[in-house]
Amino acid sequence: MAVPIFFLAVVSLLYLMEIMAVQTAMRSALQYAGKNAAEEAFLVTMVMPSRLERDVVNSIGAERLDRSIVIGGSSGVRCNGSQISSRTGIGELMVTYQVRLPIPMFGIKPIKYQEKIRVKAWVGYEKTGFGLEKEETVYITETGMVYHKDYHCTYLELSIHMVSSGDIGGLRNESGGKYYPCEHCMRNGGNGVYITDTGNRYHSSLSCSGLKRTVYAVPLSEAVGKGACVRCGR
């Protein structure tokens, strides 16, 4: 019995070292992403979670993450909840991920980790309200009229499908509505068309602006004039 226990202890130690290595890499990558976000805030005092996630993955390396014990690999990195206040210029950035310990005999559930840093954008600050108040983070788009509480809301994460242009007349979106030609990319016509589950337009080009979303994370108090999303804003 001593030999299996000894090898189990060695394996456990190796996984513990791997967890520590992943944590160190995530902190370092988040600092790198935070520096980029602080510089970019000079122009727009907002943070895009998708940009943070991309910077974190690029800093560590997608191949390294895909070979690690991080569940989902490079796609398992999430920066939901990160925000920069346009009033104070102070931001709180975080990255969350889950790791798995493949030791079947114990049935250990995935472990969730979170790394967090605070950054100061290059916009100066006001003395009043210098400290970042704890406030709910919401997500908005450049042209959207609502705010979202879930970064992965279906209105933000478009599910794009390619269909035959001859079948478009009989297709319906999730709300039962018809699809109409996009005012931007369908002017020149096209055979292959692209649709989304929640939209009401069909497109001839994947690069059409109607198929893209630029998402910003802001405090709820700064989503002035925007209503709550009917799906995730309740």
Protein backbone atom coordinates (compact mmCIF):
# COMPACT_ATOMS: atom_id res chain seq x y z
CA MET A 1 0.00 0.00 0.00
CA ALA A 2 2.93 2.34 0.61
CA VAL A 3 3.99 2.44 -3.06
CA PRO A 4 0.62 3.63 -4.48
CA ILE A 5 0.30 6.20 -1.70
CA PHE A 6 3.80 7.46 -2.43
CA PHE A 7 3.07 7.85 -6.16
CA LEU A 8 -0.27 9.54 -5.38
CA ALA A 9 1.57 12.04 -3.18
CA VAL A 10 4.07 12.72 -5.97
CA VAL A 11 1.29 13.24 -8.54
CA SER A 12 -0.59 15.55 -6.14
CA LEU A 13 2.56 17.59 -5.60
CA LEU A 14 3.08 17.92 -9.36
CA TYR A 15 -0.48 19.13 -9.87
CA LEU A 16 -0.07 21.59 -7.01
CA MET A 17 3.02 22.99 -8.71
CA GLU A 18 1.12 23.23 -12.00
CA ILE A 19 -1.71 25.14 -10.28
CA MET A 20 0.80 27.59 -8.83
CA ALA A 21 2.41 28.00 -12.25
CA VAL A 22 -0.98 28.72 -13.85
CA GLN A 23 -1.82 31.27 -11.13
CA THR A 24 1.50 33.05 -11.63
CA ALA A 25 1.02 33.11 -15.41
CA MET A 26 -2.54 34.46 -15.05
CA ARG A 27 -1.43 37.27 -12.71
CA SER A 28 1.41 38.25 -15.02
CA ALA A 29 -0.85 38.16 -18.09
CA LEU A 30 -3.53 40.23 -16.32
CA GLN A 31 -0.92 42.87 -15.47
CA TYR A 32 0.10 42.97 -19.12
CA ALA A 33 -3.54 43.32 -20.19
CA GLY A 34 -4.07 45.98 -17.50
CA LYS A 35 -1.20 48.10 -18.84
CA ASN A 36 -2.71 47.98 -22.31
CA ALA A 37 -6.17 48.85 -20.97
CA ALA A 38 -4.75 51.79 -18.97
CA GLU A 39 -3.06 53.21 -22.07
CA GLU A 40 -6.12 52.77 -24.27
CA ALA A 41 -8.32 54.45 -21.64
CA PHE A 42 -6.69 57.75 -22.63
CA LEU A 43 -9.02 57.74 -25.65
CA VAL A 44 -12.03 55.83 -24.32
CA THR A 45 -12.40 55.36 -20.56
CA MET A 46 -13.95 51.94 -20.90
CA VAL A 47 -12.69 48.39 -20.90
CA MET A 48 -13.64 45.63 -23.31
CA PRO A 49 -13.66 42.19 -21.60
CA SER A 50 -13.07 40.48 -24.94
CA ARG A 51 -9.92 42.57 -25.48
CA LEU A 52 -8.68 41.73 -21.97
CA GLU A 53 -9.27 38.02 -22.56
CA ARG A 54 -7.38 38.20 -25.84
CA ASP A 55 -4.44 40.02 -24.22
CA VAL A 56 -4.30 37.49 -21.36
CA VAL A 57 -4.33 34.54 -23.77
CA ASN A 58 -1.71 36.15 -26.03
CA SER A 59 0.54 36.88 -23.06
CA ILE A 60 0.46 33.28 -21.78
CA GLY A 61 0.16 31.59 -25.14
CA ALA A 62 -2.91 29.80 -26.48
CA GLU A 63 -0.98 26.57 -26.97
CA ARG A 64 0.27 26.63 -23.37
CA LEU A 65 -3.25 27.14 -22.06
CA ASP A 66 -4.70 24.41 -24.28
CA ARG A 67 -2.14 21.95 -22.86
CA SER A 68 -2.68 23.05 -19.25
CA ILE A 69 -5.17 21.93 -16.61
CA VAL A 70 -7.31 25.03 -17.27
CA ILE A 71 -10.76 23.82 -18.30
CA GLY A 72 -11.46 24.97 -21.84
CA GLY A 73 -7.85 25.99 -22.40
CA SER A 74 -7.55 29.39 -24.05
CA SER A 75 -11.34 29.65 -24.34
CA GLY A 76 -11.78 29.08 -20.60
CA VAL A 77 -10.36 32.50 -19.66
CA ARG A 78 -13.05 34.97 -18.60
CA CYS A 79 -12.69 38.67 -17.74
CA ASN A 80 -16.32 39.33 -16.83
CA GLY A 81 -16.73 41.98 -14.14
CA SER A 82 -13.71 44.03 -15.20
CA GLN A 83 -14.39 47.75 -15.36
CA ILE A 84 -12.82 51.21 -15.47
CA SER A 85 -14.69 54.21 -14.08
CA SER A 86 -14.80 57.19 -16.43
CA ARG A 87 -15.26 59.42 -13.37
CA THR A 88 -12.17 58.39 -11.43
CA GLY A 89 -10.12 56.58 -14.06
CA ILE A 90 -9.55 53.71 -11.63
CA GLY A 91 -10.24 50.22 -12.88
CA GLU A 92 -10.64 46.82 -11.32
CA LEU A 93 -9.65 44.03 -13.70
CA MET A 94 -10.16 40.36 -13.01
CA VAL A 95 -9.69 37.05 -14.73
CA THR A 96 -11.53 33.88 -13.72
CA TYR A 97 -10.85 30.32 -14.78
CA GLN A 98 -11.32 26.74 -13.61
CA VAL A 99 -8.76 24.00 -13.25
CA ARG A 100 -9.32 20.26 -13.21
CA LEU A 101 -7.42 17.66 -11.22
CA PRO A 102 -7.66 14.41 -13.19
CA ILE A 103 -7.43 12.06 -10.21
CA PRO A 104 -10.48 9.84 -10.84
CA MET A 105 -10.49 7.91 -7.59
CA PHE A 106 -11.33 10.99 -5.54
CA GLY A 107 -13.78 12.62 -7.95
CA ILE A 108 -12.49 16.12 -7.28
CA LYS A 109 -14.73 18.80 -8.79
CA PRO A 110 -13.25 21.62 -10.91
CA ILE A 111 -11.73 24.39 -8.81
CA LYS A 112 -12.51 28.01 -9.68
CA TYR A 113 -9.78 30.64 -9.36
CA GLN A 114 -9.86 34.40 -9.71
CA GLU A 115 -7.01 36.86 -10.10
CA LYS A 116 -7.65 40.57 -9.61
CA ILE A 117 -5.69 43.80 -10.03
CA ARG A 118 -6.43 47.52 -9.90
CA VAL A 119 -5.14 49.96 -12.51
CA LYS A 120 -5.19 53.71 -13.00
CA ALA A 121 -6.08 54.92 -16.46
CA TRP A 122 -4.07 57.76 -17.99
CA VAL A 123 -6.89 60.28 -17.54
CA GLY A 124 -6.11 61.93 -14.19
CA TYR A 125 -8.58 61.78 -11.30
CA GLU A 126 -10.99 63.80 -9.25
CA LYS A 127 -10.35 64.12 -5.55
CA THR A 128 -13.97 63.40 -4.71
CA GLY A 129 -14.81 59.77 -5.18
CA PHE A 130 -11.18 58.76 -5.68
CA GLY A 131 -11.81 55.26 -4.34
CA LEU A 132 -13.59 52.90 -6.66
CA GLU A 133 -17.02 52.26 -5.21
CA LYS A 134 -18.38 48.76 -5.33
CA GLU A 135 -20.95 48.88 -8.08
CA GLU A 136 -22.54 46.40 -10.42
CA THR A 137 -20.84 46.07 -13.79
CA VAL A 138 -22.96 46.11 -16.94
CA TYR A 139 -22.10 45.74 -20.61
CA ILE A 140 -23.02 48.10 -23.44
CA THR A 141 -22.34 48.40 -27.15
CA GLU A 142 -21.49 51.49 -29.18
CA THR A 143 -24.94 51.84 -30.72
CA GLY A 144 -27.12 49.72 -28.42
CA MET A 145 -29.98 51.27 -26.47
CA VAL A 146 -29.87 48.79 -23.58
CA TYR A 147 -27.35 47.51 -21.05
CA HIS A 148 -26.65 43.85 -20.30
CA LYS A 149 -25.81 42.21 -16.99
CA ASP A 150 -24.50 39.06 -18.63
CA TYR A 151 -21.43 39.47 -20.86
CA HIS A 152 -22.41 36.27 -22.68
CA CYS A 153 -25.98 37.39 -23.37
CA THR A 154 -27.19 36.05 -26.72
CA TYR A 155 -27.74 39.64 -27.90
CA LEU A 156 -23.99 40.23 -27.43
CA GLU A 157 -22.68 36.84 -28.54
CA LEU A 158 -24.04 36.42 -32.02
CA SER A 159 -24.65 32.89 -33.25
CA ILE A 160 -23.92 33.14 -36.99
CA HIS A 161 -25.11 30.55 -39.50
CA MET A 162 -24.62 30.30 -43.24
CA VAL A 163 -27.73 29.35 -45.20
CA SER A 164 -28.77 29.14 -48.81
CA SER A 165 -30.15 32.38 -50.19
CA GLY A 166 -33.01 30.42 -51.71
CA ASP A 167 -34.16 29.22 -48.28
CA ILE A 168 -34.11 32.60 -46.56
CA GLY A 169 -37.80 33.28 -47.23
CA GLY A 170 -38.91 30.32 -45.13
CA LEU A 171 -36.57 30.85 -42.19
CA ARG A 172 -37.52 32.56 -38.94
CA ASN A 173 -35.49 33.87 -36.00
CA GLU A 174 -36.03 32.91 -32.35
CA SER A 175 -38.86 35.44 -32.04
CA GLY A 176 -40.62 34.10 -35.13
CA GLY A 177 -39.69 37.09 -37.28
CA LYS A 178 -38.62 37.09 -40.91
CA TYR A 179 -35.18 37.94 -42.21
CA TYR A 180 -34.71 41.00 -44.39
CA PRO A 181 -31.68 42.04 -46.50
CA CYS A 182 -28.99 44.00 -44.67
CA GLU A 183 -28.88 47.66 -45.72
CA HIS A 184 -25.07 47.63 -45.78
CA CYS A 185 -23.75 44.43 -47.34
CA MET A 186 -26.68 43.20 -49.43
CA ARG A 187 -26.71 46.18 -51.77
CA ASN A 188 -24.52 44.33 -54.23
CA GLY A 189 -26.36 41.07 -53.81
CA GLY A 190 -24.72 37.75 -53.00
CA ASN A 191 -25.36 34.02 -53.09
CA GLY A 192 -24.17 32.84 -49.67
CA VAL A 193 -25.96 34.62 -46.83
CA TYR A 194 -25.39 34.71 -43.09
CA ILE A 195 -28.02 35.00 -40.38
CA THR A 196 -28.13 35.06 -36.58
CA ASP A 197 -30.59 33.42 -34.22
CA THR A 198 -31.80 36.72 -32.75
CA GLY A 199 -31.39 39.17 -35.66
CA ASN A 200 -33.77 40.04 -38.46
CA ARG A 201 -31.28 40.69 -41.29
CA TYR A 202 -29.33 38.43 -43.62
CA HIS A 203 -25.85 39.36 -44.79
CA SER A 204 -23.58 38.54 -47.70
CA SER A 205 -20.33 39.29 -45.84
CA LEU A 206 -19.00 38.05 -42.51
CA SER A 207 -17.16 41.35 -42.08
CA CYS A 208 -20.39 43.34 -42.17
CA SER A 209 -20.78 45.71 -39.21
CA GLY A 210 -24.17 44.16 -38.52
CA LEU A 211 -22.43 40.92 -37.53
CA LYS A 212 -20.00 42.55 -35.10
CA ARG A 213 -20.31 43.65 -31.50
CA THR A 214 -17.93 45.99 -29.68
CA VAL A 215 -18.75 45.47 -26.01
CA TYR A 216 -17.70 47.79 -23.16
CA ALA A 217 -17.86 47.07 -19.44
CA VAL A 218 -18.99 50.07 -17.37
CA PRO A 219 -20.49 50.69 -13.90
CA LEU A 220 -24.28 50.65 -13.88
CA SER A 221 -24.42 54.36 -12.98
CA GLU A 222 -22.61 55.23 -16.21
CA ALA A 223 -25.11 53.45 -18.47
CA VAL A 224 -27.09 56.67 -18.58
CA GLY A 225 -30.14 56.69 -20.81
CA LYS A 226 -30.06 52.97 -21.51
CA GLY A 227 -32.71 50.49 -20.44
CA ALA A 228 -32.19 46.96 -19.18
CA CYS A 229 -31.93 44.05 -21.63
CA VAL A 230 -35.12 42.01 -21.67
CA ARG A 231 -33.09 38.79 -21.47
CA CYS A 232 -30.35 39.41 -18.94
CA GLY A 233 -31.07 42.83 -17.42
CA ARG A 234 -33.70 41.74 -14.94
